[in-house]
Amino acid sequence: MRRGIGHLVRPAGAAWARVAAVTAGIVAFDQAAKALVRASLARGDREAVLPGVELVHTRNSGVAFGALSGGGAVVTVVIALALVALLAYFATHIRRPLVWLPTGMLLGGAIGNVIDRVLDGAVTDFIQIPLGFPAFNVADMSITFGVVVLFYVLERDAAHGSR
């Protein structure tokens, strides 16, 4: 039995909808957490929440965990190129199972931090863990876990012979 093109369009549309939902959820959670920190802690203040874990209110003008701090236009170009590459990869691999999840996580994290850069000139970071690890935020966690999930999806597909 021959099917029309509807079976080709729906999965792609559903994948984009999933990306949009994950992205929106992460951006909303990230921005709400940052607003709560900005409203309850003065910049530079710290508050212990668990042994070895503190809430802090810091600003980061760089990219992931302070890299390229003070990079200005360079940071903007790096972020823009990374997002274009991510969207191009997703668009060309849209039918891969689960590829929508890391795409949404990476987009949500990037957009959450870009919003801070546009509104405040730097990103609000607020989670500090021991061992000298730089402060980070929900968007940073989403980006980090998004990379891990992307590697999982790629390895899973490679193990199953998918392209």
C-alpha atoms as a PDB file:
ATOM      1  CA  MET A   1       0.000   0.000   0.000  1.00  0.00           C
ATOM      2  CA  ARG A   2       1.372   3.387  -0.970  1.00  0.00           C
ATOM      3  CA  ARG A   3       1.235   6.182   1.592  1.00  0.00           C
ATOM      4  CA  GLY A   4       1.146   9.921   0.951  1.00  0.00           C
ATOM      5  CA  ILE A   5       3.763  12.357   2.165  1.00  0.00           C
ATOM      6  CA  GLY A   6       1.906  12.856   5.453  1.00  0.00           C
ATOM      7  CA  HIS A   7       3.906  10.080   7.103  1.00  0.00           C
ATOM      8  CA  LEU A   8       7.114  11.984   6.311  1.00  0.00           C
ATOM      9  CA  VAL A   9       5.936  15.375   7.557  1.00  0.00           C
ATOM     10  CA  ARG A  10       4.415  14.380  10.898  1.00  0.00           C
ATOM     11  CA  PRO A  11       7.515  12.855  12.513  1.00  0.00           C
ATOM     12  CA  ALA A  12       9.633  15.875  11.617  1.00  0.00           C
ATOM     13  CA  GLY A  13       6.971  18.257  12.923  1.00  0.00           C
ATOM     14  CA  ALA A  14       6.648  16.259  16.130  1.00  0.00           C
ATOM     15  CA  ALA A  15      10.419  16.302  16.624  1.00  0.00           C
ATOM     16  CA  TRP A  16      10.535  20.099  16.214  1.00  0.00           C
ATOM     17  CA  ALA A  17       7.629  20.392  18.684  1.00  0.00           C
ATOM     18  CA  ARG A  18       9.524  18.272  21.211  1.00  0.00           C
ATOM     19  CA  VAL A  19      12.629  20.439  20.772  1.00  0.00           C
ATOM     20  CA  ALA A  20      10.512  23.552  21.304  1.00  0.00           C
ATOM     21  CA  ALA A  21       8.891  22.110  24.448  1.00  0.00           C
ATOM     22  CA  VAL A  22      12.208  21.064  26.015  1.00  0.00           C
ATOM     23  CA  THR A  23      13.805  24.388  25.063  1.00  0.00           C
ATOM     24  CA  ALA A  24      10.926  26.422  26.527  1.00  0.00           C
ATOM     25  CA  GLY A  25      10.870  24.392  29.750  1.00  0.00           C
ATOM     26  CA  ILE A  26      14.585  24.812  30.319  1.00  0.00           C
ATOM     27  CA  VAL A  27      14.559  28.531  29.525  1.00  0.00           C
ATOM     28  CA  ALA A  28      11.626  29.079  31.907  1.00  0.00           C
ATOM     29  CA  PHE A  29      13.230  27.096  34.747  1.00  0.00           C
ATOM     30  CA  ASP A  30      16.625  28.735  34.201  1.00  0.00           C
ATOM     31  CA  GLN A  31      15.258  32.278  34.139  1.00  0.00           C
ATOM     32  CA  ALA A  32      13.030  31.663  37.177  1.00  0.00           C
ATOM     33  CA  ALA A  33      15.971  30.275  39.185  1.00  0.00           C
ATOM     34  CA  LYS A  34      18.188  33.214  38.200  1.00  0.00           C
ATOM     35  CA  ALA A  35      15.459  35.738  39.075  1.00  0.00           C
ATOM     36  CA  LEU A  36      15.050  34.120  42.486  1.00  0.00           C
ATOM     37  CA  VAL A  37      18.802  34.329  43.125  1.00  0.00           C
ATOM     38  CA  ARG A  38      19.002  37.957  41.971  1.00  0.00           C
ATOM     39  CA  ALA A  39      16.043  38.852  44.215  1.00  0.00           C
ATOM     40  CA  SER A  40      17.269  37.043  47.325  1.00  0.00           C
ATOM     41  CA  LEU A  41      21.082  37.358  47.265  1.00  0.00           C
ATOM     42  CA  ALA A  42      23.162  40.471  46.767  1.00  0.00           C
ATOM     43  CA  ARG A  43      25.886  40.110  44.158  1.00  0.00           C
ATOM     44  CA  GLY A  44      28.872  38.398  45.775  1.00  0.00           C
ATOM     45  CA  ASP A  45      26.877  36.954  48.703  1.00  0.00           C
ATOM     46  CA  ARG A  46      26.981  33.236  49.563  1.00  0.00           C
ATOM     47  CA  GLU A  47      24.572  30.968  51.399  1.00  0.00           C
ATOM     48  CA  ALA A  48      25.266  27.342  52.325  1.00  0.00           C
ATOM     49  CA  VAL A  49      22.487  24.970  51.258  1.00  0.00           C
ATOM     50  CA  LEU A  50      24.167  21.563  51.656  1.00  0.00           C
ATOM     51  CA  PRO A  51      27.581  20.526  52.924  1.00  0.00           C
ATOM     52  CA  GLY A  52      29.981  21.738  50.233  1.00  0.00           C
ATOM     53  CA  VAL A  53      27.246  23.351  48.120  1.00  0.00           C
ATOM     54  CA  GLU A  54      26.553  27.061  48.260  1.00  0.00           C
ATOM     55  CA  LEU A  55      24.230  29.454  46.528  1.00  0.00           C
ATOM     56  CA  VAL A  56      26.271  32.389  45.278  1.00  0.00           C
ATOM     57  CA  HIS A  57      25.389  35.369  43.168  1.00  0.00           C
ATOM     58  CA  THR A  58      28.068  35.893  40.547  1.00  0.00           C
ATOM     59  CA  ARG A  59      28.288  37.190  36.998  1.00  0.00           C
ATOM     60  CA  ASN A  60      30.048  35.456  34.140  1.00  0.00           C
ATOM     61  CA  SER A  61      30.863  37.366  30.969  1.00  0.00           C
ATOM     62  CA  GLY A  62      32.448  34.326  29.306  1.00  0.00           C
ATOM     63  CA  VAL A  63      31.022  31.070  28.029  1.00  0.00           C
ATOM     64  CA  ALA A  64      30.866  27.709  29.784  1.00  0.00           C
ATOM     65  CA  PHE A  65      32.240  27.974  33.302  1.00  0.00           C
ATOM     66  CA  GLY A  66      33.959  31.303  32.653  1.00  0.00           C
ATOM     67  CA  ALA A  67      35.920  30.402  29.508  1.00  0.00           C
ATOM     68  CA  LEU A  68      36.509  33.412  27.205  1.00  0.00           C
ATOM     69  CA  SER A  69      35.561  35.773  30.038  1.00  0.00           C
ATOM     70  CA  GLY A  70      35.397  39.334  28.750  1.00  0.00           C
ATOM     71  CA  GLY A  71      35.349  38.047  25.161  1.00  0.00           C
ATOM     72  CA  GLY A  72      32.482  40.326  24.088  1.00  0.00           C
ATOM     73  CA  ALA A  73      31.907  39.897  20.347  1.00  0.00           C
ATOM     74  CA  VAL A  74      33.984  36.706  20.254  1.00  0.00           C
ATOM     75  CA  VAL A  75      31.606  35.087  22.738  1.00  0.00           C
ATOM     76  CA  THR A  76      28.605  36.159  20.657  1.00  0.00           C
ATOM     77  CA  VAL A  77      30.115  34.713  17.480  1.00  0.00           C
ATOM     78  CA  VAL A  78      31.055  31.429  19.193  1.00  0.00           C
ATOM     79  CA  ILE A  79      27.531  31.035  20.584  1.00  0.00           C
ATOM     80  CA  ALA A  80      25.878  31.916  17.255  1.00  0.00           C
ATOM     81  CA  LEU A  81      28.051  29.462  15.312  1.00  0.00           C
ATOM     82  CA  ALA A  82      27.412  26.692  17.835  1.00  0.00           C
ATOM     83  CA  LEU A  83      23.642  27.223  17.653  1.00  0.00           C
ATOM     84  CA  VAL A  84      23.636  27.276  13.844  1.00  0.00           C
ATOM     85  CA  ALA A  85      25.677  24.056  13.784  1.00  0.00           C
ATOM     86  CA  LEU A  86      23.328  22.426  16.313  1.00  0.00           C
ATOM     87  CA  LEU A  87      20.207  23.355  14.340  1.00  0.00           C
ATOM     88  CA  ALA A  88      21.783  22.203  11.067  1.00  0.00           C
ATOM     89  CA  TYR A  89      22.723  18.882  12.644  1.00  0.00           C
ATOM     90  CA  PHE A  90      19.234  18.413  14.053  1.00  0.00           C
ATOM     91  CA  ALA A  91      17.546  19.329  10.762  1.00  0.00           C
ATOM     92  CA  THR A  92      19.660  16.792   8.868  1.00  0.00           C
ATOM     93  CA  HIS A  93      19.262  14.038  11.495  1.00  0.00           C
ATOM     94  CA  ILE A  94      15.706  14.757  12.593  1.00  0.00           C
ATOM     95  CA  ARG A  95      14.541  11.161  12.273  1.00  0.00           C
ATOM     96  CA  ARG A  96      17.193   9.809  14.638  1.00  0.00           C
ATOM     97  CA  PRO A  97      15.510   8.516  17.764  1.00  0.00           C
ATOM     98  CA  LEU A  98      15.843  10.869  20.731  1.00  0.00           C
ATOM     99  CA  VAL A  99      18.007  13.464  18.916  1.00  0.00           C
ATOM    100  CA  TRP A 100      15.347  16.037  19.788  1.00  0.00           C
ATOM    101  CA  LEU A 101      16.132  15.719  23.514  1.00  0.00           C
ATOM    102  CA  PRO A 102      19.770  16.873  23.542  1.00  0.00           C
ATOM    103  CA  THR A 103      18.932  19.457  20.897  1.00  0.00           C
ATOM    104  CA  GLY A 104      16.274  20.980  23.164  1.00  0.00           C
ATOM    105  CA  MET A 105      18.582  20.784  26.187  1.00  0.00           C
ATOM    106  CA  LEU A 106      21.442  22.505  24.353  1.00  0.00           C
ATOM    107  CA  LEU A 107      19.192  25.172  22.826  1.00  0.00           C
ATOM    108  CA  GLY A 108      17.424  25.824  26.131  1.00  0.00           C
ATOM    109  CA  GLY A 109      20.695  26.241  27.980  1.00  0.00           C
ATOM    110  CA  ALA A 110      22.208  28.479  25.341  1.00  0.00           C
ATOM    111  CA  ILE A 111      19.100  30.653  25.059  1.00  0.00           C
ATOM    112  CA  GLY A 112      18.813  30.933  28.857  1.00  0.00           C
ATOM    113  CA  ASN A 113      22.340  32.323  29.043  1.00  0.00           C
ATOM    114  CA  VAL A 114      21.915  34.527  25.962  1.00  0.00           C
ATOM    115  CA  ILE A 115      18.893  36.168  27.608  1.00  0.00           C
ATOM    116  CA  ASP A 116      21.116  37.125  30.551  1.00  0.00           C
ATOM    117  CA  ARG A 117      23.792  38.523  28.222  1.00  0.00           C
ATOM    118  CA  VAL A 118      21.256  40.645  26.371  1.00  0.00           C
ATOM    119  CA  LEU A 119      19.489  41.942  29.495  1.00  0.00           C
ATOM    120  CA  ASP A 120      22.429  42.249  31.893  1.00  0.00           C
ATOM    121  CA  GLY A 121      25.651  42.020  29.873  1.00  0.00           C
ATOM    122  CA  ALA A 122      26.691  38.832  31.690  1.00  0.00           C
ATOM    123  CA  VAL A 123      25.255  35.533  32.889  1.00  0.00           C
ATOM    124  CA  THR A 124      24.036  35.013  36.448  1.00  0.00           C
ATOM    125  CA  ASP A 125      25.700  31.955  37.997  1.00  0.00           C
ATOM    126  CA  PHE A 126      24.626  30.721  41.404  1.00  0.00           C
ATOM    127  CA  ILE A 127      25.587  27.131  42.215  1.00  0.00           C
ATOM    128  CA  GLN A 128      29.008  26.638  43.794  1.00  0.00           C
ATOM    129  CA  ILE A 129      30.391  23.194  44.540  1.00  0.00           C
ATOM    130  CA  PRO A 130      33.733  22.365  46.177  1.00  0.00           C
ATOM    131  CA  LEU A 131      37.161  21.699  44.662  1.00  0.00           C
ATOM    132  CA  GLY A 132      37.462  25.077  42.973  1.00  0.00           C
ATOM    133  CA  PHE A 133      34.843  24.304  40.330  1.00  0.00           C
ATOM    134  CA  PRO A 134      33.464  27.558  38.850  1.00  0.00           C
ATOM    135  CA  ALA A 135      29.944  28.637  39.767  1.00  0.00           C
ATOM    136  CA  PHE A 136      27.278  27.588  37.292  1.00  0.00           C
ATOM    137  CA  ASN A 137      23.517  27.761  36.662  1.00  0.00           C
ATOM    138  CA  VAL A 138      20.587  25.711  35.336  1.00  0.00           C
ATOM    139  CA  ALA A 139      21.423  26.623  31.732  1.00  0.00           C
ATOM    140  CA  ASP A 140      24.997  25.388  32.185  1.00  0.00           C
ATOM    141  CA  MET A 141      23.710  22.104  33.631  1.00  0.00           C
ATOM    142  CA  SER A 142      21.354  21.722  30.686  1.00  0.00           C
ATOM    143  CA  ILE A 143      24.174  22.288  28.209  1.00  0.00           C
ATOM    144  CA  THR A 144      26.449  19.835  30.022  1.00  0.00           C
ATOM    145  CA  PHE A 145      23.807  17.106  30.262  1.00  0.00           C
ATOM    146  CA  GLY A 146      22.705  17.883  26.689  1.00  0.00           C
ATOM    147  CA  VAL A 147      26.215  17.055  25.448  1.00  0.00           C
ATOM    148  CA  VAL A 148      26.202  13.811  27.463  1.00  0.00           C
ATOM    149  CA  VAL A 149      22.782  12.827  26.082  1.00  0.00           C
ATOM    150  CA  LEU A 150      23.886  13.720  22.532  1.00  0.00           C
ATOM    151  CA  PHE A 151      26.903  11.411  22.877  1.00  0.00           C
ATOM    152  CA  TYR A 152      24.583   8.694  24.165  1.00  0.00           C
ATOM    153  CA  VAL A 153      22.227   9.123  21.197  1.00  0.00           C
ATOM    154  CA  LEU A 154      25.123   9.045  18.730  1.00  0.00           C
ATOM    155  CA  GLU A 155      26.743   5.995  20.353  1.00  0.00           C
ATOM    156  CA  ARG A 156      23.408   4.216  20.620  1.00  0.00           C
ATOM    157  CA  ASP A 157      22.759   4.801  16.939  1.00  0.00           C
ATOM    158  CA  ALA A 158      26.295   3.683  16.013  1.00  0.00           C
ATOM    159  CA  ALA A 159      25.827   0.486  18.026  1.00  0.00           C
ATOM    160  CA  HIS A 160      22.568  -0.224  16.183  1.00  0.00           C
ATOM    161  CA  GLY A 161      23.978   0.650  12.751  1.00  0.00           C
ATOM    162  CA  SER A 162      21.798   3.771  12.316  1.00  0.00           C
ATOM    163  CA  ARG A 163      22.931   6.743  10.262  1.00  0.00           C
END
